[in-house]
Amino acid sequence: MPTNNGFVLEARDLHKAFKDLKAVKGVSFHIATGETYGLLGPNGAGKTTTISMVTGLLERDAGEVWVDGREISTTSTEPKRAIGFVPQDIAIYPDLSARENLSFFGRLYGMGGKDLGNRVDEVLEIIGLADRADDRSEDFSGGMKRRLNIGIGLLHSPRLLMLDEPTVGVDPQSRNAILESVERLSIEGMAVLYTTHYMEEAERLCDRVGIIDEGEIKAEGTRAELVSMVGQRDEVKLSASGDLEAALAALRAITVVHDASISDEGIDMLVDGADRALAEILRAVGDHASVVSVAVDEPNLEAVFLHLTGKALRD
């Protein structure tokens, strides 16, 4: 039974095997209203199998899935109305325009009349295709087709939107448009489940991330929580001129500064929480030298994945 916690999605101890291959092994996570949750892992990690079970498209061997307080199965219908699903494969009619595609799928959702027309216009704006609404979709770029695919999933205003690797194979401009659309949905209060093997997408979009590999979630949390597991410090490089020896001595007196040294360009150092310490660092250096530029390199989810699995994210 679902707990009274307000989660839009609860997935509990999901298992799925294909003959001798255990594709998903005990995956659990939840998503709240207005939250974007990312499943981050390489191809073959179990992301698509997990999302297929969550949508009720694939029978699970064990576990439970609750959406909007109701259990999902392959045979249930009513709970699935709360879900908008955007698969990896593009599913549109190429001989129809963007507007015609949306209107067709809207009628499949049971929508019609003026309400459908208004919603189609809204979705075209969200996905950035309002200016191409009446063009045949076969003439669209790959990225535009994917944006239309997302629009179909949004038509019925679902409580939960699931996107399975939505930016694979698209150009940078379309990719950015897709990411901007997802960011807007979260702000507007929609729960989003987003699978990706792109670390930068997970860092940009997701409130919490589940790092998945070999069918298991290895760790879960906010970006800051996950990065803290690695124990790495931020690398800070100051381009500066002046009395660098005096500046170096001042920096070494700051508790969070480690391994500070003079470089060809100025001063390099490792810092615990550079975002919080940068003002103090600049004040200390500013008494002795002139700072031209600052570069901060923070640990990222790629480093976390490598730490947890012993391999790079794209291996």
Protein backbone atom coordinates (compact mmCIF):
# COMPACT_ATOMS: atom_id res chain seq x y z
CA MET A 1 0.00 0.00 0.00
CA PRO A 2 1.19 3.57 -0.64
CA THR A 3 2.27 5.63 2.34
CA ASN A 4 0.70 9.00 3.02
CA ASN A 5 3.70 11.06 1.91
CA GLY A 6 2.47 13.02 -1.10
CA PHE A 7 4.86 11.42 -3.59
CA VAL A 8 3.64 11.39 -7.18
CA LEU A 9 5.71 8.26 -7.89
CA GLU A 10 6.92 5.48 -5.61
CA ALA A 11 8.89 2.57 -7.05
CA ARG A 12 9.78 -0.13 -4.54
CA ASP A 13 12.25 -2.97 -4.91
CA LEU A 14 11.78 -3.49 -8.65
CA HIS A 15 13.24 -6.64 -10.21
CA LYS A 16 13.35 -7.80 -13.81
CA ALA A 17 15.27 -10.61 -15.49
CA PHE A 18 15.44 -11.68 -19.12
CA LYS A 19 16.37 -15.37 -18.96
CA ASP A 20 19.78 -15.39 -17.23
CA LEU A 21 20.26 -11.61 -17.41
CA LYS A 22 19.18 -9.74 -14.27
CA ALA A 23 18.47 -6.36 -15.83
CA VAL A 24 17.05 -4.64 -12.73
CA LYS A 25 17.90 -5.72 -9.20
CA GLY A 26 16.00 -4.08 -6.36
CA VAL A 27 15.57 -0.55 -7.69
CA SER A 28 13.63 1.85 -5.42
CA PHE A 29 13.06 5.61 -5.64
CA HIS A 30 10.35 8.24 -5.31
CA ILE A 31 9.48 11.61 -6.88
CA ALA A 32 7.55 14.49 -5.34
CA THR A 33 5.44 17.18 -7.01
CA GLY A 34 7.62 19.70 -8.83
CA GLU A 35 10.72 17.51 -8.53
CA THR A 36 12.90 16.28 -11.39
CA TYR A 37 14.52 12.95 -10.59
CA GLY A 38 17.30 11.65 -12.82
CA LEU A 39 18.33 8.07 -13.47
CA LEU A 40 21.95 8.49 -14.55
CA GLY A 41 23.90 5.60 -15.97
CA PRO A 42 25.56 4.23 -19.11
CA ASN A 43 23.75 2.38 -21.88
CA GLY A 44 22.70 -1.04 -20.62
CA ALA A 45 22.54 0.04 -16.97
CA GLY A 46 18.83 -0.79 -16.64
CA LYS A 47 17.32 2.68 -17.13
CA THR A 48 14.90 1.81 -19.93
CA THR A 49 13.86 -1.46 -18.28
CA THR A 50 13.13 0.44 -15.06
CA ILE A 51 11.13 3.15 -16.76
CA SER A 52 9.18 0.54 -18.76
CA MET A 53 8.13 -1.16 -15.52
CA VAL A 54 7.23 2.16 -13.93
CA THR A 55 4.95 3.06 -16.84
CA GLY A 56 3.28 -0.36 -16.76
CA LEU A 57 4.51 -1.28 -20.23
CA LEU A 58 6.67 -4.14 -18.95
CA GLU A 59 5.67 -6.78 -16.42
CA ARG A 60 7.93 -6.69 -13.38
CA ASP A 61 9.14 -9.86 -11.68
CA ALA A 62 8.83 -8.29 -8.24
CA GLY A 63 8.25 -4.93 -6.60
CA GLU A 64 5.57 -2.25 -6.55
CA VAL A 65 4.89 0.97 -8.46
CA TRP A 66 2.46 3.61 -7.21
CA VAL A 67 1.57 6.70 -9.25
CA ASP A 68 -0.59 9.42 -7.75
CA GLY A 69 -1.57 7.03 -4.95
CA ARG A 70 -2.64 4.15 -7.21
CA GLU A 71 -0.76 0.99 -8.10
CA ILE A 72 0.45 0.55 -11.68
CA SER A 73 0.48 -2.75 -13.54
CA THR A 74 0.52 -3.80 -17.18
CA THR A 75 -3.27 -4.27 -17.04
CA SER A 76 -4.25 -1.12 -15.14
CA THR A 77 -5.69 1.78 -17.13
CA GLU A 78 -6.91 4.55 -14.83
CA PRO A 79 -3.60 5.13 -12.97
CA LYS A 80 -1.78 5.50 -16.28
CA ARG A 81 -3.80 8.64 -17.05
CA ALA A 82 -1.53 10.46 -14.60
CA ILE A 83 1.53 9.58 -16.71
CA GLY A 84 2.99 11.23 -19.78
CA PHE A 85 5.59 8.95 -21.37
CA VAL A 86 8.20 10.04 -23.91
CA PRO A 87 10.07 6.98 -25.24
CA GLN A 88 13.52 6.89 -26.81
CA ASP A 89 12.05 6.07 -30.20
CA ILE A 90 10.24 8.91 -31.94
CA ALA A 91 6.52 8.11 -32.28
CA ILE A 92 4.87 10.67 -34.56
CA TYR A 93 3.12 10.61 -37.94
CA PRO A 94 5.51 12.15 -40.50
CA ASP A 95 2.79 13.06 -42.99
CA LEU A 96 0.95 15.16 -40.39
CA SER A 97 1.87 18.65 -39.20
CA ALA A 98 2.92 19.32 -35.63
CA ARG A 99 -0.57 20.64 -34.85
CA GLU A 100 -2.24 17.66 -36.52
CA ASN A 101 -0.05 15.20 -34.62
CA LEU A 102 -0.90 16.83 -31.30
CA SER A 103 -4.61 17.00 -32.13
CA PHE A 104 -4.66 13.34 -33.13
CA PHE A 105 -2.98 12.13 -29.95
CA GLY A 106 -5.11 14.51 -27.89
CA ARG A 107 -8.24 12.79 -29.19
CA LEU A 108 -6.72 9.44 -28.19
CA TYR A 109 -6.45 10.88 -24.67
CA GLY A 110 -10.19 11.65 -24.82
CA MET A 111 -9.73 15.38 -25.36
CA GLY A 112 -11.67 17.40 -27.88
CA GLY A 113 -13.25 20.66 -28.96
CA LYS A 114 -12.01 24.07 -27.91
CA ASP A 115 -10.16 22.66 -24.88
CA LEU A 116 -8.03 20.46 -27.13
CA GLY A 117 -7.29 23.34 -29.51
CA ASN A 118 -6.21 25.58 -26.63
CA ARG A 119 -4.04 22.87 -25.11
CA VAL A 120 -2.36 22.17 -28.46
CA ASP A 121 -1.46 25.87 -28.72
CA GLU A 122 -0.06 25.82 -25.18
CA VAL A 123 2.06 22.73 -25.85
CA LEU A 124 3.40 24.15 -29.12
CA GLU A 125 4.66 27.14 -27.14
CA ILE A 126 6.21 24.94 -24.44
CA ILE A 127 8.15 22.83 -26.94
CA GLY A 128 9.14 25.81 -29.09
CA LEU A 129 7.32 24.74 -32.26
CA ALA A 130 4.59 27.39 -32.45
CA ASP A 131 6.21 28.92 -35.53
CA ARG A 132 6.30 25.50 -37.27
CA ALA A 133 2.88 24.31 -36.10
CA ASP A 134 1.45 23.75 -39.58
CA ASP A 135 4.56 22.27 -41.23
CA ARG A 136 4.67 18.56 -41.95
CA SER A 137 6.73 16.81 -39.31
CA GLU A 138 8.65 14.77 -41.91
CA ASP A 139 10.44 18.02 -42.75
CA PHE A 140 11.55 18.56 -39.14
CA SER A 141 15.07 18.03 -37.86
CA GLY A 142 15.68 15.15 -35.47
CA GLY A 143 15.64 17.55 -32.53
CA MET A 144 12.33 19.09 -33.58
CA LYS A 145 10.79 15.64 -33.91
CA ARG A 146 11.92 14.82 -30.38
CA ARG A 147 10.41 18.05 -29.10
CA LEU A 148 7.13 17.12 -30.76
CA ASN A 149 7.41 13.70 -29.11
CA ILE A 150 7.68 15.45 -25.75
CA GLY A 151 4.68 17.60 -26.60
CA ILE A 152 2.55 14.50 -27.14
CA GLY A 153 3.44 13.32 -23.65
CA LEU A 154 2.42 16.70 -22.20
CA LEU A 155 -0.97 17.07 -23.89
CA HIS A 156 -3.17 15.66 -21.13
CA SER A 157 -1.35 17.62 -18.39
CA PRO A 158 -0.01 14.55 -16.57
CA ARG A 159 1.04 14.59 -12.92
CA LEU A 160 4.20 12.68 -13.90
CA LEU A 161 6.24 13.05 -17.08
CA MET A 162 8.77 10.31 -17.92
CA LEU A 163 11.46 11.01 -20.49
CA ASP A 164 13.74 8.21 -21.62
CA GLU A 165 17.01 9.58 -23.07
CA PRO A 166 15.17 12.43 -24.89
CA THR A 167 18.27 14.16 -26.30
CA VAL A 168 20.06 11.21 -27.90
CA GLY A 169 21.19 12.05 -31.42
CA VAL A 170 19.95 15.66 -31.52
CA ASP A 171 21.85 18.81 -32.45
CA PRO A 172 23.08 21.16 -29.69
CA GLN A 173 20.42 23.82 -30.36
CA SER A 174 17.55 21.33 -30.15
CA ARG A 175 19.12 19.69 -27.13
CA ASN A 176 19.17 23.00 -25.29
CA ALA A 177 15.53 23.66 -26.27
CA ILE A 178 14.55 20.27 -24.84
CA LEU A 179 16.38 20.94 -21.58
CA GLU A 180 14.76 24.37 -21.27
CA SER A 181 11.33 22.79 -21.75
CA VAL A 182 11.99 20.24 -19.00
CA GLU A 183 13.23 22.98 -16.65
CA ARG A 184 10.00 24.92 -17.21
CA LEU A 185 7.83 21.88 -16.45
CA SER A 186 9.50 21.34 -13.10
CA ILE A 187 9.04 24.99 -12.18
CA GLU A 188 5.34 24.68 -13.05
CA GLY A 189 4.95 21.82 -10.59
CA MET A 190 5.13 18.68 -12.73
CA ALA A 191 6.99 15.64 -11.39
CA VAL A 192 9.60 14.48 -13.93
CA LEU A 193 11.51 11.22 -14.26
CA TYR A 194 14.47 11.77 -16.59
CA THR A 195 16.84 9.04 -17.74
CA THR A 196 20.17 9.98 -19.28
CA HIS A 197 23.79 8.95 -19.66
CA TYR A 198 24.85 12.59 -19.99
CA MET A 199 26.28 13.83 -16.69
CA GLU A 200 25.83 17.49 -17.61
CA GLU A 201 22.09 16.99 -18.21
CA ALA A 202 21.60 15.38 -14.81
CA GLU A 203 23.54 18.18 -13.13
CA ARG A 204 21.53 20.87 -14.91
CA LEU A 205 18.02 19.45 -14.58
CA CYS A 206 17.71 17.13 -11.63
CA ASP A 207 16.87 17.95 -8.03
CA ARG A 208 17.98 14.43 -7.08
CA VAL A 209 19.86 11.78 -9.03
CA GLY A 210 19.94 8.01 -8.76
CA ILE A 211 23.20 6.64 -10.15
CA ILE A 212 22.33 3.30 -11.75
CA ASP A 213 24.70 0.63 -13.04
CA GLU A 214 24.27 -3.07 -13.73
CA GLY A 215 20.62 -2.88 -12.70
CA GLU A 216 21.21 -1.35 -9.26
CA ILE A 217 21.04 2.15 -7.86
CA LYS A 218 24.51 2.62 -6.42
CA ALA A 219 23.78 5.96 -4.74
CA GLU A 220 21.07 8.60 -4.64
CA GLY A 221 20.85 12.22 -3.58
CA THR A 222 21.27 15.83 -4.59
CA ARG A 223 24.33 16.78 -6.60
CA ALA A 224 26.00 18.16 -3.48
CA GLU A 225 25.23 15.00 -1.49
CA LEU A 226 26.61 12.74 -4.20
CA VAL A 227 29.75 14.79 -4.77
CA SER A 228 30.45 14.80 -1.03
CA MET A 229 30.78 11.00 -1.22
CA VAL A 230 33.87 11.35 -3.38
CA GLY A 231 35.68 13.53 -0.87
CA GLN A 232 37.23 15.62 -3.62
CA ARG A 233 37.93 19.32 -3.23
CA ASP A 234 37.34 22.17 -5.66
CA GLU A 235 40.31 23.26 -7.75
CA VAL A 236 40.73 27.04 -7.75
CA LYS A 237 43.15 28.85 -10.06
CA LEU A 238 43.84 32.54 -9.59
CA SER A 239 45.45 34.55 -12.35
CA ALA A 240 47.21 37.25 -10.37
CA SER A 241 50.26 39.51 -10.16
CA GLY A 242 51.98 41.23 -7.24
CA ASP A 243 53.49 39.89 -4.05
CA LEU A 244 52.42 36.29 -4.61
CA GLU A 245 54.54 34.96 -1.72
CA ALA A 246 52.66 37.18 0.75
CA ALA A 247 49.35 36.25 -0.88
CA LEU A 248 50.26 32.58 -0.57
CA ALA A 249 50.99 32.96 3.14
CA ALA A 250 47.61 34.66 3.65
CA LEU A 251 45.81 31.88 1.80
CA ARG A 252 47.47 29.15 3.85
CA ALA A 253 45.99 30.74 6.97
CA ILE A 254 42.45 30.02 5.66
CA THR A 255 41.21 26.71 7.08
CA VAL A 256 39.41 25.49 3.94
CA VAL A 257 42.37 26.18 1.61
CA HIS A 258 44.71 23.25 0.94
CA ASP A 259 47.83 22.66 -1.16
CA ALA A 260 48.12 26.30 -2.24
CA SER A 261 51.12 26.96 -4.51
CA ILE A 262 52.41 29.58 -6.94
CA SER A 263 51.99 28.74 -10.64
CA ASP A 264 53.04 30.38 -13.88
CA GLU A 265 49.78 32.33 -13.99
CA GLY A 266 49.30 33.08 -10.30
CA ILE A 267 48.19 30.75 -7.49
CA ASP A 268 46.59 27.30 -7.58
CA MET A 269 44.86 25.67 -4.61
CA LEU A 270 42.39 23.03 -3.46
CA VAL A 271 39.41 24.34 -1.51
CA ASP A 272 36.62 22.80 0.56
CA GLY A 273 33.48 24.50 -0.75
CA ALA A 274 34.91 27.14 -3.06
CA ASP A 275 31.49 28.73 -3.59
CA ARG A 276 31.34 29.63 0.10
CA ALA A 277 35.03 30.52 0.55
CA LEU A 278 35.74 32.52 -2.60
CA ALA A 279 34.98 35.94 -1.09
CA GLU A 280 37.38 35.28 1.80
CA ILE A 281 40.05 34.00 -0.60
CA LEU A 282 39.83 37.10 -2.78
CA ARG A 283 40.04 39.41 0.24
CA ALA A 284 43.15 37.61 1.50
CA VAL A 285 44.88 37.77 -1.88
CA GLY A 286 43.71 41.31 -2.59
CA ASP A 287 45.83 42.71 0.24
CA HIS A 288 48.98 41.61 -1.58
CA ALA A 289 48.22 41.04 -5.28
CA SER A 290 45.91 42.00 -8.10
CA VAL A 291 43.59 39.21 -9.28
CA VAL A 292 42.81 39.20 -13.01
CA SER A 293 40.63 36.10 -13.20
CA VAL A 294 39.34 33.15 -11.17
CA ALA A 295 38.65 29.62 -12.42
CA VAL A 296 36.87 27.05 -10.26
CA ASP A 297 36.72 23.37 -11.23
CA GLU A 298 34.24 21.47 -9.02
CA PRO A 299 33.96 17.67 -8.69
CA ASN A 300 31.09 16.40 -10.82
CA LEU A 301 28.82 13.37 -11.17
CA GLU A 302 31.31 11.78 -13.55
CA ALA A 303 33.78 11.60 -10.66
CA VAL A 304 31.07 10.15 -8.41
CA PHE A 305 30.22 7.46 -10.96
CA LEU A 306 33.87 6.54 -11.36
CA HIS A 307 34.24 6.37 -7.57
CA LEU A 308 31.20 4.10 -7.16
CA THR A 309 31.66 1.76 -10.11
CA GLY A 310 35.35 1.91 -11.00
CA LYS A 311 34.57 2.91 -14.58
CA ALA A 312 33.77 6.04 -16.58
CA LEU A 313 30.13 6.95 -17.15
CA ARG A 314 30.32 6.30 -20.89
CA ASP A 315 32.17 2.96 -20.71
